Amino acid sequence: MKKRRLSQQDVLNYLEDYPGASETEIQLDVWNYNRSTSWMSNKKYAEVLRRALRKGVIKRLKVKIKDGSDKATYRYCLASQSFDVIFKQIRK
């Protein structure tokens, strides 16, 4: 059985339905890859996101996890969507 290649289009399709997803959520839902429990490298999965960012088809926003905390996560959406969409999705 031939393995399916990682595709930016998979990410775009996912973000169309789930704007405001984090990198971990994208990797889990699109490719079924969990970097916390996998022995495989994160490089090829992260590179797909980096290429899409460089092309300008997606964008990301750094969002604090809690008020008063230094921890933050990146949230991704399509370049055609506004960041308001991200905040609406996060609050749900």
Protein backbone atom coordinates (compact mmCIF):
# COMPACT_ATOMS: atom_id res chain seq x y z
CA MET A 1 0.00 0.00 0.00
CA LYS A 2 1.44 3.34 -1.06
CA LYS A 3 1.70 6.02 1.61
CA ARG A 4 -0.12 9.26 0.93
CA ARG A 5 2.07 12.35 0.72
CA LEU A 6 1.67 15.22 3.13
CA SER A 7 -0.22 17.99 1.41
CA GLN A 8 -0.83 21.67 2.02
CA GLN A 9 -4.29 21.17 0.56
CA ASP A 10 -5.12 18.84 3.46
CA VAL A 11 -4.24 21.66 5.86
CA LEU A 12 -6.28 24.20 3.87
CA ASN A 13 -9.32 21.92 3.86
CA TYR A 14 -9.00 21.38 7.61
CA LEU A 15 -8.59 25.08 8.40
CA GLU A 16 -11.62 25.91 6.30
CA ASP A 17 -13.72 23.85 8.72
CA TYR A 18 -11.73 24.52 11.90
CA PRO A 19 -10.18 28.00 11.87
CA GLY A 20 -8.07 28.77 14.90
CA ALA A 21 -6.60 25.29 15.22
CA SER A 22 -3.21 24.88 16.87
CA GLU A 23 -0.29 23.09 15.23
CA THR A 24 -0.87 20.04 17.42
CA GLU A 25 -4.58 19.90 16.53
CA ILE A 26 -3.77 20.14 12.83
CA GLN A 27 -1.19 17.36 13.02
CA LEU A 28 -3.48 15.08 15.00
CA ASP A 29 -6.63 15.57 12.93
CA VAL A 30 -5.11 15.81 9.44
CA TRP A 31 -2.30 13.25 9.62
CA ASN A 32 -3.05 11.37 12.83
CA TYR A 33 0.41 12.34 14.11
CA ASN A 34 0.98 13.09 17.79
CA ARG A 35 4.44 14.49 18.39
CA SER A 36 4.12 13.85 22.14
CA THR A 37 3.83 10.10 21.75
CA SER A 38 5.44 9.37 18.40
CA TRP A 39 9.01 8.30 17.79
CA MET A 40 8.89 9.96 14.35
CA SER A 41 10.36 13.39 13.75
CA ASN A 42 8.11 16.45 13.73
CA LYS A 43 10.13 18.04 10.92
CA LYS A 44 8.16 16.88 7.88
CA TYR A 45 4.81 17.80 9.45
CA ALA A 46 5.98 21.23 10.59
CA GLU A 47 7.57 21.88 7.20
CA VAL A 48 4.19 21.58 5.46
CA LEU A 49 2.86 24.36 7.70
CA ARG A 50 5.98 26.50 7.15
CA ARG A 51 5.66 26.20 3.37
CA ALA A 52 2.01 27.25 3.52
CA LEU A 53 2.96 30.24 5.72
CA ARG A 54 5.70 31.31 3.27
CA LYS A 55 3.29 31.02 0.33
CA GLY A 56 0.82 33.21 2.19
CA VAL A 57 -2.13 30.80 2.02
CA ILE A 58 -2.38 30.51 5.81
CA LYS A 59 -1.51 32.83 8.65
CA ARG A 60 -0.90 32.39 12.35
CA LEU A 61 -1.37 34.35 15.52
CA LYS A 62 0.38 33.90 18.84
CA VAL A 63 -2.26 33.57 21.57
CA LYS A 64 -1.60 33.48 25.31
CA ILE A 65 -2.91 30.35 26.98
CA LYS A 66 -3.92 32.08 30.23
CA ASP A 67 -4.01 35.68 31.34
CA GLY A 68 -0.94 36.50 33.42
CA SER A 69 0.97 33.53 32.05
CA ASP A 70 3.99 33.60 29.75
CA LYS A 71 2.85 30.46 27.91
CA ALA A 72 1.43 30.93 24.44
CA THR A 73 0.43 28.86 21.43
CA TYR A 74 0.12 29.62 17.73
CA ARG A 75 -3.31 29.48 16.12
CA TYR A 76 -3.66 29.07 12.35
CA CYS A 77 -6.32 30.16 9.86
CA LEU A 78 -6.66 30.69 6.13
CA ALA A 79 -5.19 33.92 4.82
CA SER A 80 -8.62 34.90 3.52
CA GLN A 81 -10.13 34.68 7.04
CA SER A 82 -9.88 37.41 9.64
CA PHE A 83 -8.35 36.84 13.05
CA ASP A 84 -11.81 37.49 14.54
CA VAL A 85 -12.76 34.05 13.22
CA ILE A 86 -9.93 32.54 15.25
CA PHE A 87 -11.08 34.14 18.49
CA LYS A 88 -14.70 33.06 17.92
CA GLN A 89 -13.53 29.48 17.36
CA ILE A 90 -11.29 29.48 20.46
CA ARG A 91 -14.05 30.77 22.73
CA LYS A 92 -16.47 27.95 21.74
